[in-house]
Amino acid sequence: MKHALITGITGQDGSYLAEFLLDKPDYVVHGLVRRASSFNRKRIDHITAGAQTHDRFHLHYADLSDASSLSTVVQKIKPDEIYNLGAQSHVRISFDQPIYTADTVGLGTLRLLEATRNLSQEKLVKFYQASSSEMFGSAPPPQGLETPFHPRSPYACAKLYAHWQTINYREAYNLFACTGILFNHESPRRGESFVTRKITLSAARIKEGLQDKLYLGNIEASRDWGFAGDYVRAMWMMLQQPKPDDYVIAMDETHTVREFLDIAFGMLDLDYKKYVEFDPKYMRPSEVDILHGDSSKTRRILGWKPEVDFKGLVKMMVEHDHELARREKHALAFPND
């Protein structure tokens, strides 16, 4: 049995990756969770409830800000694969919490790399680092492995630090360490403060009469959007290669926030122009206008290709959130049900 350790397992990517690995009969999945006064594990509740995974799914308390806890868990599990997906991942919030972001995203990766390096003296450990397209920032598109980085947020700067530390550990210590520069990837499990999920949830609530307006920042920003379930598959494929390397994961196409709005509201027979208003508080101090990936190397070497296209992604999210809105409306109308 292979043992895989996932940081950020309660997040969007972590939950999809856990499912993906557990679908394989030869994996035991371990996830890191932080101690908190309340649980935030709804994305993995269905996994923990599944009787068939009880012997192959384990959660451990540790924190990316605490080197000791990371080292203890890594030495206890002695994983074959480590997927570092944990982060303060909201770009806009990173401007409000730059030090916390730098600590968890940047130094947190370094702490985990050190724990991995120590274990690698005993056995082969494969390490995946979740790098971000935000590292490209204002670099001209299309953005690939040869594109110079120009980060435009505390989050992007922290991710770039973690990215280069991962490469440095690979070169300095011969660590099997891969970086995957993932462009925007979404799903029904995306956090509700992220623009795509904010759009689909608001559209659904407006359709059901639960909300009147949606307030957004720059709707002309262009992003390369894919489905998170497709992207976690690429993470795993990287670690199955004979040699570690760096890859870009993207759809290789861009769409504006305005396009996303038009499609999402249109699927509910709504005109977004009647409901969407601008709010400057959602603007970043330094904007990233366009992110457009070049994943040609990934498709050629890994044989990876996405299964869900852009419209399919929006449809998936709208249908999920419309069902949530219907349930919310029913609960308000019949509180005793």
C-alpha atoms as a PDB file:
ATOM      1  CA  MET A   1       0.000   0.000   0.000  1.00  0.00           C
ATOM      2  CA  LYS A   2       1.148   3.527  -0.810  1.00  0.00           C
ATOM      3  CA  HIS A   3       0.691   6.151   1.888  1.00  0.00           C
ATOM      4  CA  ALA A   4      -0.124   9.676   0.686  1.00  0.00           C
ATOM      5  CA  LEU A   5      -0.098  12.742   2.932  1.00  0.00           C
ATOM      6  CA  ILE A   6      -2.207  15.747   1.895  1.00  0.00           C
ATOM      7  CA  THR A   7      -2.001  19.191   3.479  1.00  0.00           C
ATOM      8  CA  GLY A   8      -5.124  21.257   2.925  1.00  0.00           C
ATOM      9  CA  ILE A   9      -7.256  18.123   2.749  1.00  0.00           C
ATOM     10  CA  THR A  10     -10.384  19.992   3.899  1.00  0.00           C
ATOM     11  CA  GLY A  11     -10.109  22.386   0.948  1.00  0.00           C
ATOM     12  CA  GLN A  12     -11.405  22.077  -2.597  1.00  0.00           C
ATOM     13  CA  ASP A  13      -8.311  20.442  -4.093  1.00  0.00           C
ATOM     14  CA  GLY A  14      -7.554  18.316  -1.048  1.00  0.00           C
ATOM     15  CA  SER A  15     -11.008  16.740  -1.016  1.00  0.00           C
ATOM     16  CA  TYR A  16     -10.925  15.936  -4.739  1.00  0.00           C
ATOM     17  CA  LEU A  17      -7.416  14.515  -4.468  1.00  0.00           C
ATOM     18  CA  ALA A  18      -8.397  12.348  -1.488  1.00  0.00           C
ATOM     19  CA  GLU A  19     -11.320  10.934  -3.467  1.00  0.00           C
ATOM     20  CA  PHE A  20      -9.101  10.315  -6.490  1.00  0.00           C
ATOM     21  CA  LEU A  21      -6.493   8.423  -4.489  1.00  0.00           C
ATOM     22  CA  LEU A  22      -9.035   6.422  -2.496  1.00  0.00           C
ATOM     23  CA  ASP A  23     -10.567   5.217  -5.743  1.00  0.00           C
ATOM     24  CA  LYS A  24      -7.283   3.389  -6.242  1.00  0.00           C
ATOM     25  CA  PRO A  25      -7.147   0.196  -4.156  1.00  0.00           C
ATOM     26  CA  ASP A  26      -3.477   0.574  -3.245  1.00  0.00           C
ATOM     27  CA  TYR A  27      -3.591   3.957  -1.451  1.00  0.00           C
ATOM     28  CA  VAL A  28      -3.931   4.928   2.179  1.00  0.00           C
ATOM     29  CA  VAL A  29      -4.678   8.653   2.472  1.00  0.00           C
ATOM     30  CA  HIS A  30      -3.596  10.820   5.395  1.00  0.00           C
ATOM     31  CA  GLY A  31      -4.713  14.420   5.780  1.00  0.00           C
ATOM     32  CA  LEU A  32      -3.475  17.267   7.947  1.00  0.00           C
ATOM     33  CA  VAL A  33      -6.050  19.299   9.848  1.00  0.00           C
ATOM     34  CA  ARG A  34      -5.579  22.193  12.237  1.00  0.00           C
ATOM     35  CA  ARG A  35      -7.007  22.222  15.734  1.00  0.00           C
ATOM     36  CA  ALA A  36      -9.865  24.714  15.871  1.00  0.00           C
ATOM     37  CA  SER A  37     -12.832  25.512  18.086  1.00  0.00           C
ATOM     38  CA  SER A  38     -15.194  24.342  15.355  1.00  0.00           C
ATOM     39  CA  PHE A  39     -14.915  21.801  12.552  1.00  0.00           C
ATOM     40  CA  ASN A  40     -14.756  22.861   8.927  1.00  0.00           C
ATOM     41  CA  ARG A  41     -14.720  19.499   7.214  1.00  0.00           C
ATOM     42  CA  LYS A  42     -17.871  19.480   5.109  1.00  0.00           C
ATOM     43  CA  ARG A  43     -15.905  18.778   1.918  1.00  0.00           C
ATOM     44  CA  ILE A  44     -14.635  15.482   3.332  1.00  0.00           C
ATOM     45  CA  ASP A  45     -17.609  14.459   5.505  1.00  0.00           C
ATOM     46  CA  HIS A  46     -18.743  11.970   2.870  1.00  0.00           C
ATOM     47  CA  ILE A  47     -15.269  10.387   2.894  1.00  0.00           C
ATOM     48  CA  THR A  48     -15.058  10.018   6.664  1.00  0.00           C
ATOM     49  CA  ALA A  49     -18.595   8.569   6.673  1.00  0.00           C
ATOM     50  CA  GLY A  50     -17.731   5.928   4.087  1.00  0.00           C
ATOM     51  CA  ALA A  51     -17.235   2.546   5.755  1.00  0.00           C
ATOM     52  CA  GLN A  52     -15.114   1.312   2.862  1.00  0.00           C
ATOM     53  CA  THR A  53     -12.483   4.003   3.520  1.00  0.00           C
ATOM     54  CA  HIS A  54     -12.213   3.723   7.315  1.00  0.00           C
ATOM     55  CA  ASP A  55      -8.995   1.735   7.172  1.00  0.00           C
ATOM     56  CA  ARG A  56      -7.546   3.844   4.375  1.00  0.00           C
ATOM     57  CA  PHE A  57      -8.357   7.404   5.434  1.00  0.00           C
ATOM     58  CA  HIS A  58      -6.804   9.079   8.462  1.00  0.00           C
ATOM     59  CA  LEU A  59      -6.659  12.651   9.746  1.00  0.00           C
ATOM     60  CA  HIS A  60      -3.789  14.034  11.826  1.00  0.00           C
ATOM     61  CA  TYR A  61      -3.482  17.303  13.725  1.00  0.00           C
ATOM     62  CA  ALA A  62      -0.651  19.515  12.475  1.00  0.00           C
ATOM     63  CA  ASP A  63      -0.128  23.028  11.191  1.00  0.00           C
ATOM     64  CA  LEU A  64       2.020  24.484   8.422  1.00  0.00           C
ATOM     65  CA  SER A  65       3.072  27.205  10.862  1.00  0.00           C
ATOM     66  CA  ASP A  66       4.476  24.616  13.300  1.00  0.00           C
ATOM     67  CA  ALA A  67       7.594  22.770  12.131  1.00  0.00           C
ATOM     68  CA  SER A  68       7.536  20.377  15.073  1.00  0.00           C
ATOM     69  CA  SER A  69       4.016  19.114  14.377  1.00  0.00           C
ATOM     70  CA  LEU A  70       4.822  18.642  10.687  1.00  0.00           C
ATOM     71  CA  SER A  71       7.982  16.684  11.443  1.00  0.00           C
ATOM     72  CA  THR A  72       6.169  14.509  13.979  1.00  0.00           C
ATOM     73  CA  VAL A  73       3.385  13.573  11.558  1.00  0.00           C
ATOM     74  CA  VAL A  74       5.726  12.955   8.623  1.00  0.00           C
ATOM     75  CA  GLN A  75       7.930  10.673  10.712  1.00  0.00           C
ATOM     76  CA  LYS A  76       4.896   8.848  12.085  1.00  0.00           C
ATOM     77  CA  ILE A  77       3.279   8.217   8.697  1.00  0.00           C
ATOM     78  CA  LYS A  78       6.441   7.897   6.601  1.00  0.00           C
ATOM     79  CA  PRO A  79       4.442   8.688   3.462  1.00  0.00           C
ATOM     80  CA  ASP A  80       5.434   7.653  -0.046  1.00  0.00           C
ATOM     81  CA  GLU A  81       3.864  10.797  -1.512  1.00  0.00           C
ATOM     82  CA  ILE A  82       3.308  14.253  -0.037  1.00  0.00           C
ATOM     83  CA  TYR A  83       0.927  16.739  -1.649  1.00  0.00           C
ATOM     84  CA  ASN A  84       1.302  20.259  -0.267  1.00  0.00           C
ATOM     85  CA  LEU A  85      -2.046  21.907  -0.987  1.00  0.00           C
ATOM     86  CA  GLY A  86      -2.501  23.809   2.277  1.00  0.00           C
ATOM     87  CA  ALA A  87      -2.454  27.611   2.092  1.00  0.00           C
ATOM     88  CA  GLN A  88      -4.177  30.891   2.779  1.00  0.00           C
ATOM     89  CA  SER A  89      -5.319  30.832  -0.839  1.00  0.00           C
ATOM     90  CA  HIS A  90      -7.454  33.944  -1.288  1.00  0.00           C
ATOM     91  CA  VAL A  91      -5.482  36.527  -3.278  1.00  0.00           C
ATOM     92  CA  ARG A  92      -7.491  39.581  -2.208  1.00  0.00           C
ATOM     93  CA  ILE A  93      -7.308  38.595   1.478  1.00  0.00           C
ATOM     94  CA  SER A  94      -3.534  38.239   1.212  1.00  0.00           C
ATOM     95  CA  PHE A  95      -3.323  42.037   0.955  1.00  0.00           C
ATOM     96  CA  ASP A  96      -5.095  42.260   4.327  1.00  0.00           C
ATOM     97  CA  GLN A  97      -3.075  39.433   5.908  1.00  0.00           C
ATOM     98  CA  PRO A  98       0.316  39.509   4.175  1.00  0.00           C
ATOM     99  CA  ILE A  99       2.390  38.188   7.091  1.00  0.00           C
ATOM    100  CA  TYR A 100       0.057  35.283   7.825  1.00  0.00           C
ATOM    101  CA  THR A 101      -0.055  34.469   4.106  1.00  0.00           C
ATOM    102  CA  ALA A 102       3.730  34.547   3.808  1.00  0.00           C
ATOM    103  CA  ASP A 103       4.093  32.313   6.861  1.00  0.00           C
ATOM    104  CA  THR A 104       1.635  29.594   5.843  1.00  0.00           C
ATOM    105  CA  VAL A 105       2.213  29.649   2.083  1.00  0.00           C
ATOM    106  CA  GLY A 106       5.931  30.401   1.941  1.00  0.00           C
ATOM    107  CA  LEU A 107       7.547  29.297   5.188  1.00  0.00           C
ATOM    108  CA  GLY A 108       4.950  26.550   5.634  1.00  0.00           C
ATOM    109  CA  THR A 109       6.227  24.920   2.459  1.00  0.00           C
ATOM    110  CA  LEU A 110       9.815  25.254   3.660  1.00  0.00           C
ATOM    111  CA  ARG A 111       8.938  23.572   6.959  1.00  0.00           C
ATOM    112  CA  LEU A 112       7.306  20.701   5.101  1.00  0.00           C
ATOM    113  CA  LEU A 113      10.246  20.389   2.718  1.00  0.00           C
ATOM    114  CA  GLU A 114      12.591  20.074   5.682  1.00  0.00           C
ATOM    115  CA  ALA A 115      10.455  17.318   7.190  1.00  0.00           C
ATOM    116  CA  THR A 116      10.406  15.591   3.800  1.00  0.00           C
ATOM    117  CA  ARG A 117      14.176  15.908   3.397  1.00  0.00           C
ATOM    118  CA  ASN A 118      14.748  14.269   6.770  1.00  0.00           C
ATOM    119  CA  LEU A 119      12.464  11.373   5.870  1.00  0.00           C
ATOM    120  CA  SER A 120      14.048  11.020   2.421  1.00  0.00           C
ATOM    121  CA  GLN A 121      17.253   9.873   4.113  1.00  0.00           C
ATOM    122  CA  GLU A 122      15.327   6.705   5.050  1.00  0.00           C
ATOM    123  CA  LYS A 123      13.198   6.117   1.940  1.00  0.00           C
ATOM    124  CA  LEU A 124      12.117   7.597  -1.393  1.00  0.00           C
ATOM    125  CA  VAL A 125       9.522  10.287  -0.817  1.00  0.00           C
ATOM    126  CA  LYS A 126       7.790  12.082  -3.682  1.00  0.00           C
ATOM    127  CA  PHE A 127       6.772  15.690  -3.015  1.00  0.00           C
ATOM    128  CA  TYR A 128       4.224  17.790  -4.905  1.00  0.00           C
ATOM    129  CA  GLN A 129       4.135  21.561  -4.474  1.00  0.00           C
ATOM    130  CA  ALA A 130       0.993  23.437  -5.485  1.00  0.00           C
ATOM    131  CA  SER A 131       2.387  26.448  -7.301  1.00  0.00           C
ATOM    132  CA  SER A 132       0.081  29.107  -8.706  1.00  0.00           C
ATOM    133  CA  SER A 133      -0.487  30.957 -11.954  1.00  0.00           C
ATOM    134  CA  GLU A 134      -0.660  34.112  -9.810  1.00  0.00           C
ATOM    135  CA  MET A 135       3.151  33.961  -9.782  1.00  0.00           C
ATOM    136  CA  PHE A 136       3.073  35.155 -13.401  1.00  0.00           C
ATOM    137  CA  GLY A 137       1.110  38.261 -12.431  1.00  0.00           C
ATOM    138  CA  SER A 138       1.560  40.902 -15.109  1.00  0.00           C
ATOM    139  CA  ALA A 139       3.799  38.762 -17.356  1.00  0.00           C
ATOM    140  CA  PRO A 140       2.491  38.736 -20.947  1.00  0.00           C
ATOM    141  CA  PRO A 141       0.417  35.704 -22.010  1.00  0.00           C
ATOM    142  CA  PRO A 142       0.503  32.894 -22.859  1.00  0.00           C
ATOM    143  CA  GLN A 143       2.316  31.979 -19.661  1.00  0.00           C
ATOM    144  CA  GLY A 144       4.405  28.829 -19.524  1.00  0.00           C
ATOM    145  CA  LEU A 145       7.536  27.458 -17.915  1.00  0.00           C
ATOM    146  CA  GLU A 146       9.785  29.869 -19.819  1.00  0.00           C
ATOM    147  CA  THR A 147       7.740  32.951 -18.876  1.00  0.00           C
ATOM    148  CA  PRO A 148       9.415  35.302 -16.344  1.00  0.00           C
ATOM    149  CA  PHE A 149       7.497  35.621 -13.088  1.00  0.00           C
ATOM    150  CA  HIS A 150       6.054  38.963 -11.980  1.00  0.00           C
ATOM    151  CA  PRO A 151       3.915  38.390  -8.853  1.00  0.00           C
ATOM    152  CA  ARG A 152       1.397  41.097  -7.980  1.00  0.00           C
ATOM    153  CA  SER A 153       0.135  40.116  -4.520  1.00  0.00           C
ATOM    154  CA  PRO A 154       1.466  38.888  -1.157  1.00  0.00           C
ATOM    155  CA  TYR A 155      -0.061  35.505  -2.000  1.00  0.00           C
ATOM    156  CA  ALA A 156       1.747  35.336  -5.342  1.00  0.00           C
ATOM    157  CA  CYS A 157       5.057  36.368  -3.762  1.00  0.00           C
ATOM    158  CA  ALA A 158       4.687  33.688  -1.083  1.00  0.00           C
ATOM    159  CA  LYS A 159       3.837  31.072  -3.704  1.00  0.00           C
ATOM    160  CA  LEU A 160       6.893  32.066  -5.720  1.00  0.00           C
ATOM    161  CA  TYR A 161       9.108  31.642  -2.649  1.00  0.00           C
ATOM    162  CA  ALA A 162       7.641  28.180  -2.054  1.00  0.00           C
ATOM    163  CA  HIS A 163       8.028  27.316  -5.740  1.00  0.00           C
ATOM    164  CA  TRP A 164      11.742  28.148  -5.828  1.00  0.00           C
ATOM    165  CA  GLN A 165      12.394  26.470  -2.485  1.00  0.00           C
ATOM    166  CA  THR A 166      10.898  23.269  -3.890  1.00  0.00           C
ATOM    167  CA  ILE A 167      13.149  23.444  -6.947  1.00  0.00           C
ATOM    168  CA  ASN A 168      16.126  24.248  -4.722  1.00  0.00           C
ATOM    169  CA  TYR A 169      15.487  21.196  -2.521  1.00  0.00           C
ATOM    170  CA  ARG A 170      15.262  19.047  -5.626  1.00  0.00           C
ATOM    171  CA  GLU A 171      18.594  20.329  -6.925  1.00  0.00           C
ATOM    172  CA  ALA A 172      20.424  20.570  -3.579  1.00  0.00           C
ATOM    173  CA  TYR A 173      19.246  17.355  -1.925  1.00  0.00           C
ATOM    174  CA  ASN A 174      18.155  15.235  -4.901  1.00  0.00           C
ATOM    175  CA  LEU A 175      14.612  15.271  -3.517  1.00  0.00           C
ATOM    176  CA  PHE A 176      11.894  13.900  -5.812  1.00  0.00           C
ATOM    177  CA  ALA A 177      10.037  17.217  -5.802  1.00  0.00           C
ATOM    178  CA  CYS A 178       7.626  18.424  -8.491  1.00  0.00           C
ATOM    179  CA  THR A 179       5.901  21.756  -8.868  1.00  0.00           C
ATOM    180  CA  GLY A 180       2.599  22.130 -10.641  1.00  0.00           C
ATOM    181  CA  ILE A 181       1.789  25.679 -11.683  1.00  0.00           C
ATOM    182  CA  LEU A 182      -1.974  25.452 -11.684  1.00  0.00           C
ATOM    183  CA  PHE A 183      -4.106  28.058 -13.363  1.00  0.00           C
ATOM    184  CA  ASN A 184      -7.517  28.858 -11.878  1.00  0.00           C
ATOM    185  CA  HIS A 185      -9.487  25.708 -11.143  1.00  0.00           C
ATOM    186  CA  GLU A 186     -13.003  25.736  -9.778  1.00  0.00           C
ATOM    187  CA  SER A 187     -15.815  23.410  -8.707  1.00  0.00           C
ATOM    188  CA  PRO A 188     -18.985  23.291  -6.606  1.00  0.00           C
ATOM    189  CA  ARG A 189     -16.614  22.918  -3.641  1.00  0.00           C
ATOM    190  CA  ARG A 190     -14.938  26.266  -4.259  1.00  0.00           C
ATOM    191  CA  GLY A 191     -15.083  28.640  -1.289  1.00  0.00           C
ATOM    192  CA  GLU A 192     -18.012  31.040  -1.424  1.00  0.00           C
ATOM    193  CA  SER A 193     -15.763  34.121  -1.273  1.00  0.00           C
ATOM    194  CA  PHE A 194     -14.059  33.244  -4.576  1.00  0.00           C
ATOM    195  CA  VAL A 195     -15.489  35.074  -7.577  1.00  0.00           C
ATOM    196  CA  THR A 196     -16.685  32.043  -9.570  1.00  0.00           C
ATOM    197  CA  ARG A 197     -18.560  30.493  -6.664  1.00  0.00           C
ATOM    198  CA  LYS A 198     -19.817  33.892  -5.595  1.00  0.00           C
ATOM    199  CA  ILE A 199     -21.330  34.284  -9.062  1.00  0.00           C
ATOM    200  CA  THR A 200     -23.010  30.882  -9.280  1.00  0.00           C
ATOM    201  CA  LEU A 201     -24.360  30.994  -5.735  1.00  0.00           C
ATOM    202  CA  SER A 202     -25.645  34.548  -6.102  1.00  0.00           C
ATOM    203  CA  ALA A 203     -27.267  33.799  -9.469  1.00  0.00           C
ATOM    204  CA  ALA A 204     -29.079  30.832  -7.936  1.00  0.00           C
ATOM    205  CA  ARG A 205     -30.219  32.825  -4.900  1.00  0.00           C
ATOM    206  CA  ILE A 206     -31.408  35.695  -7.105  1.00  0.00           C
ATOM    207  CA  LYS A 207     -33.369  33.192  -9.227  1.00  0.00           C
ATOM    208  CA  GLU A 208     -35.106  31.911  -6.096  1.00  0.00           C
ATOM    209  CA  GLY A 209     -35.831  35.390  -4.746  1.00  0.00           C
ATOM    210  CA  LEU A 210     -33.383  35.085  -1.860  1.00  0.00           C
ATOM    211  CA  GLN A 211     -31.026  37.869  -2.977  1.00  0.00           C
ATOM    212  CA  ASP A 212     -31.368  41.104  -4.951  1.00  0.00           C
ATOM    213  CA  LYS A 213     -27.855  42.125  -6.007  1.00  0.00           C
ATOM    214  CA  LEU A 214     -24.356  40.801  -6.577  1.00  0.00           C
ATOM    215  CA  TYR A 215     -21.427  43.139  -5.921  1.00  0.00           C
ATOM    216  CA  LEU A 216     -18.135  42.519  -7.725  1.00  0.00           C
ATOM    217  CA  GLY A 217     -14.869  44.243  -8.564  1.00  0.00           C
ATOM    218  CA  ASN A 218     -13.115  44.023 -11.932  1.00  0.00           C
ATOM    219  CA  ILE A 219     -15.311  41.940 -14.241  1.00  0.00           C
ATOM    220  CA  GLU A 220     -12.981  42.487 -17.222  1.00  0.00           C
ATOM    221  CA  ALA A 221     -10.238  40.351 -15.649  1.00  0.00           C
ATOM    222  CA  SER A 222      -9.473  37.276 -17.780  1.00  0.00           C
ATOM    223  CA  ARG A 223      -8.648  33.884 -16.327  1.00  0.00           C
ATOM    224  CA  ASP A 224      -7.828  30.399 -17.560  1.00  0.00           C
ATOM    225  CA  TRP A 225     -10.494  28.367 -15.737  1.00  0.00           C
ATOM    226  CA  GLY A 226     -10.642  24.580 -15.412  1.00  0.00           C
ATOM    227  CA  PHE A 227     -12.248  21.923 -13.213  1.00  0.00           C
ATOM    228  CA  ALA A 228     -10.452  21.087  -9.964  1.00  0.00           C
ATOM    229  CA  GLY A 229     -11.186  17.376 -10.358  1.00  0.00           C
ATOM    230  CA  ASP A 230      -9.214  17.327 -13.604  1.00  0.00           C
ATOM    231  CA  TYR A 231      -6.323  19.232 -12.068  1.00  0.00           C
ATOM    232  CA  VAL A 232      -5.765  16.940  -9.069  1.00  0.00           C
ATOM    233  CA  ARG A 233      -5.398  14.062 -11.520  1.00  0.00           C
ATOM    234  CA  ALA A 234      -2.459  15.929 -13.050  1.00  0.00           C
ATOM    235  CA  MET A 235      -0.853  16.293  -9.610  1.00  0.00           C
ATOM    236  CA  TRP A 236      -0.844  12.541  -9.168  1.00  0.00           C
ATOM    237  CA  MET A 237       0.455  11.956 -12.699  1.00  0.00           C
ATOM    238  CA  MET A 238       3.469  14.162 -11.985  1.00  0.00           C
ATOM    239  CA  LEU A 239       4.544  11.955  -9.091  1.00  0.00           C
ATOM    240  CA  GLN A 240       4.285   8.795 -11.194  1.00  0.00           C
ATOM    241  CA  GLN A 241       6.979   9.941 -13.624  1.00  0.00           C
ATOM    242  CA  PRO A 242      10.511   8.488 -13.481  1.00  0.00           C
ATOM    243  CA  LYS A 243      12.023  11.911 -12.788  1.00  0.00           C
ATOM    244  CA  PRO A 244      10.730  14.997 -10.944  1.00  0.00           C
ATOM    245  CA  ASP A 245       9.994  18.094 -13.006  1.00  0.00           C
ATOM    246  CA  ASP A 246       7.890  21.248 -13.229  1.00  0.00           C
ATOM    247  CA  TYR A 247       4.589  21.480 -15.110  1.00  0.00           C
ATOM    248  CA  VAL A 248       1.877  23.985 -16.021  1.00  0.00           C
ATOM    249  CA  ILE A 249      -1.736  22.821 -15.680  1.00  0.00           C
ATOM    250  CA  ALA A 250      -4.209  24.910 -17.645  1.00  0.00           C
ATOM    251  CA  MET A 251      -7.012  24.856 -20.197  1.00  0.00           C
ATOM    252  CA  ASP A 252      -4.910  27.091 -22.501  1.00  0.00           C
ATOM    253  CA  GLU A 253      -7.814  29.498 -23.041  1.00  0.00           C
ATOM    254  CA  THR A 254      -9.145  32.553 -21.260  1.00  0.00           C
ATOM    255  CA  HIS A 255     -12.545  33.948 -20.349  1.00  0.00           C
ATOM    256  CA  THR A 256     -13.447  37.177 -18.599  1.00  0.00           C
ATOM    257  CA  VAL A 257     -15.415  37.408 -15.399  1.00  0.00           C
ATOM    258  CA  ARG A 258     -18.062  39.092 -17.536  1.00  0.00           C
ATOM    259  CA  GLU A 259     -18.286  35.958 -19.722  1.00  0.00           C
ATOM    260  CA  PHE A 260     -18.611  33.799 -16.624  1.00  0.00           C
ATOM    261  CA  LEU A 261     -21.434  36.034 -15.415  1.00  0.00           C
ATOM    262  CA  ASP A 262     -23.228  35.945 -18.745  1.00  0.00           C
ATOM    263  CA  ILE A 263     -23.148  32.144 -18.979  1.00  0.00           C
ATOM    264  CA  ALA A 264     -24.001  31.473 -15.333  1.00  0.00           C
ATOM    265  CA  PHE A 265     -26.944  33.877 -15.170  1.00  0.00           C
ATOM    266  CA  GLY A 266     -28.057  32.844 -18.653  1.00  0.00           C
ATOM    267  CA  MET A 267     -28.384  29.231 -17.531  1.00  0.00           C
ATOM    268  CA  LEU A 268     -31.024  30.471 -15.086  1.00  0.00           C
ATOM    269  CA  ASP A 269     -32.716  32.687 -17.681  1.00  0.00           C
ATOM    270  CA  LEU A 270     -31.432  35.837 -16.018  1.00  0.00           C
ATOM    271  CA  ASP A 271     -29.680  38.922 -17.401  1.00  0.00           C
ATOM    272  CA  TYR A 272     -26.713  39.591 -15.136  1.00  0.00           C
ATOM    273  CA  LYS A 273     -26.690  43.311 -16.080  1.00  0.00           C
ATOM    274  CA  LYS A 274     -29.864  43.798 -14.032  1.00  0.00           C
ATOM    275  CA  TYR A 275     -28.324  42.426 -10.854  1.00  0.00           C
ATOM    276  CA  VAL A 276     -24.560  43.007 -10.819  1.00  0.00           C
ATOM    277  CA  GLU A 277     -23.069  46.197  -9.415  1.00  0.00           C
ATOM    278  CA  PHE A 278     -19.491  47.378  -8.974  1.00  0.00           C
ATOM    279  CA  ASP A 279     -17.962  47.673  -5.504  1.00  0.00           C
ATOM    280  CA  PRO A 280     -14.410  49.074  -5.260  1.00  0.00           C
ATOM    281  CA  LYS A 281     -13.687  47.111  -2.073  1.00  0.00           C
ATOM    282  CA  TYR A 282     -13.256  44.001  -4.228  1.00  0.00           C
ATOM    283  CA  MET A 283     -10.497  45.583  -6.305  1.00  0.00           C
ATOM    284  CA  ARG A 284      -6.923  44.518  -5.567  1.00  0.00           C
ATOM    285  CA  PRO A 285      -4.291  47.200  -4.887  1.00  0.00           C
ATOM    286  CA  SER A 286      -2.391  45.727  -7.853  1.00  0.00           C
ATOM    287  CA  GLU A 287      -4.515  43.936 -10.430  1.00  0.00           C
ATOM    288  CA  VAL A 288      -3.695  40.963 -12.640  1.00  0.00           C
ATOM    289  CA  ASP A 289      -5.512  41.549 -15.921  1.00  0.00           C
ATOM    290  CA  ILE A 290      -5.008  38.246 -17.725  1.00  0.00           C
ATOM    291  CA  LEU A 291      -3.774  34.741 -16.933  1.00  0.00           C
ATOM    292  CA  HIS A 292      -3.538  32.380 -19.903  1.00  0.00           C
ATOM    293  CA  GLY A 293      -1.649  29.122 -19.522  1.00  0.00           C
ATOM    294  CA  ASP A 294       0.498  27.048 -21.845  1.00  0.00           C
ATOM    295  CA  SER A 295       0.219  23.420 -20.749  1.00  0.00           C
ATOM    296  CA  SER A 296       1.703  21.898 -23.922  1.00  0.00           C
ATOM    297  CA  LYS A 297       4.559  20.202 -22.044  1.00  0.00           C
ATOM    298  CA  THR A 298       2.160  18.682 -19.528  1.00  0.00           C
ATOM    299  CA  ARG A 299      -0.089  17.272 -22.227  1.00  0.00           C
ATOM    300  CA  ARG A 300       2.865  15.910 -24.157  1.00  0.00           C
ATOM    301  CA  ILE A 301       4.794  14.292 -21.290  1.00  0.00           C
ATOM    302  CA  LEU A 302       2.020  13.300 -18.870  1.00  0.00           C
ATOM    303  CA  GLY A 303      -0.634  12.621 -21.478  1.00  0.00           C
ATOM    304  CA  TRP A 304      -3.002  14.721 -19.372  1.00  0.00           C
ATOM    305  CA  LYS A 305      -6.049  16.412 -20.814  1.00  0.00           C
ATOM    306  CA  PRO A 306      -9.089  17.903 -19.091  1.00  0.00           C
ATOM    307  CA  GLU A 307     -12.451  16.172 -19.238  1.00  0.00           C
ATOM    308  CA  VAL A 308     -14.612  19.183 -18.296  1.00  0.00           C
ATOM    309  CA  ASP A 309     -14.665  22.254 -20.538  1.00  0.00           C
ATOM    310  CA  PHE A 310     -15.420  25.832 -19.481  1.00  0.00           C
ATOM    311  CA  LYS A 311     -19.177  25.744 -20.107  1.00  0.00           C
ATOM    312  CA  GLY A 312     -19.404  22.331 -18.482  1.00  0.00           C
ATOM    313  CA  LEU A 313     -17.684  23.732 -15.399  1.00  0.00           C
ATOM    314  CA  VAL A 314     -20.077  26.675 -15.136  1.00  0.00           C
ATOM    315  CA  LYS A 315     -23.080  24.364 -15.655  1.00  0.00           C
ATOM    316  CA  MET A 316     -21.838  22.020 -12.915  1.00  0.00           C
ATOM    317  CA  MET A 317     -21.483  24.885 -10.447  1.00  0.00           C
ATOM    318  CA  VAL A 318     -24.797  26.551 -11.343  1.00  0.00           C
ATOM    319  CA  GLU A 319     -26.762  23.317 -11.002  1.00  0.00           C
ATOM    320  CA  HIS A 320     -25.166  22.573  -7.627  1.00  0.00           C
ATOM    321  CA  ASP A 321     -25.823  26.050  -6.257  1.00  0.00           C
ATOM    322  CA  HIS A 322     -29.361  26.207  -7.668  1.00  0.00           C
ATOM    323  CA  GLU A 323     -30.167  23.079  -5.655  1.00  0.00           C
ATOM    324  CA  LEU A 324     -28.666  24.725  -2.551  1.00  0.00           C
ATOM    325  CA  ALA A 325     -30.815  27.819  -3.141  1.00  0.00           C
ATOM    326  CA  ARG A 326     -33.951  25.712  -3.546  1.00  0.00           C
ATOM    327  CA  ARG A 327     -33.222  23.992  -0.236  1.00  0.00           C
ATOM    328  CA  GLU A 328     -32.617  27.332   1.450  1.00  0.00           C
ATOM    329  CA  LYS A 329     -35.916  28.684   0.133  1.00  0.00           C
ATOM    330  CA  HIS A 330     -37.773  25.574   1.282  1.00  0.00           C
ATOM    331  CA  ALA A 331     -36.218  25.792   4.740  1.00  0.00           C
ATOM    332  CA  LEU A 332     -37.346  29.403   5.094  1.00  0.00           C
ATOM    333  CA  ALA A 333     -40.877  28.585   3.952  1.00  0.00           C
ATOM    334  CA  PHE A 334     -41.174  25.422   6.061  1.00  0.00           C
ATOM    335  CA  PRO A 335     -38.832  25.853   9.067  1.00  0.00           C
ATOM    336  CA  ASN A 336     -40.297  22.858  10.905  1.00  0.00           C
ATOM    337  CA  ASP A 337     -39.669  20.330   8.128  1.00  0.00           C
END
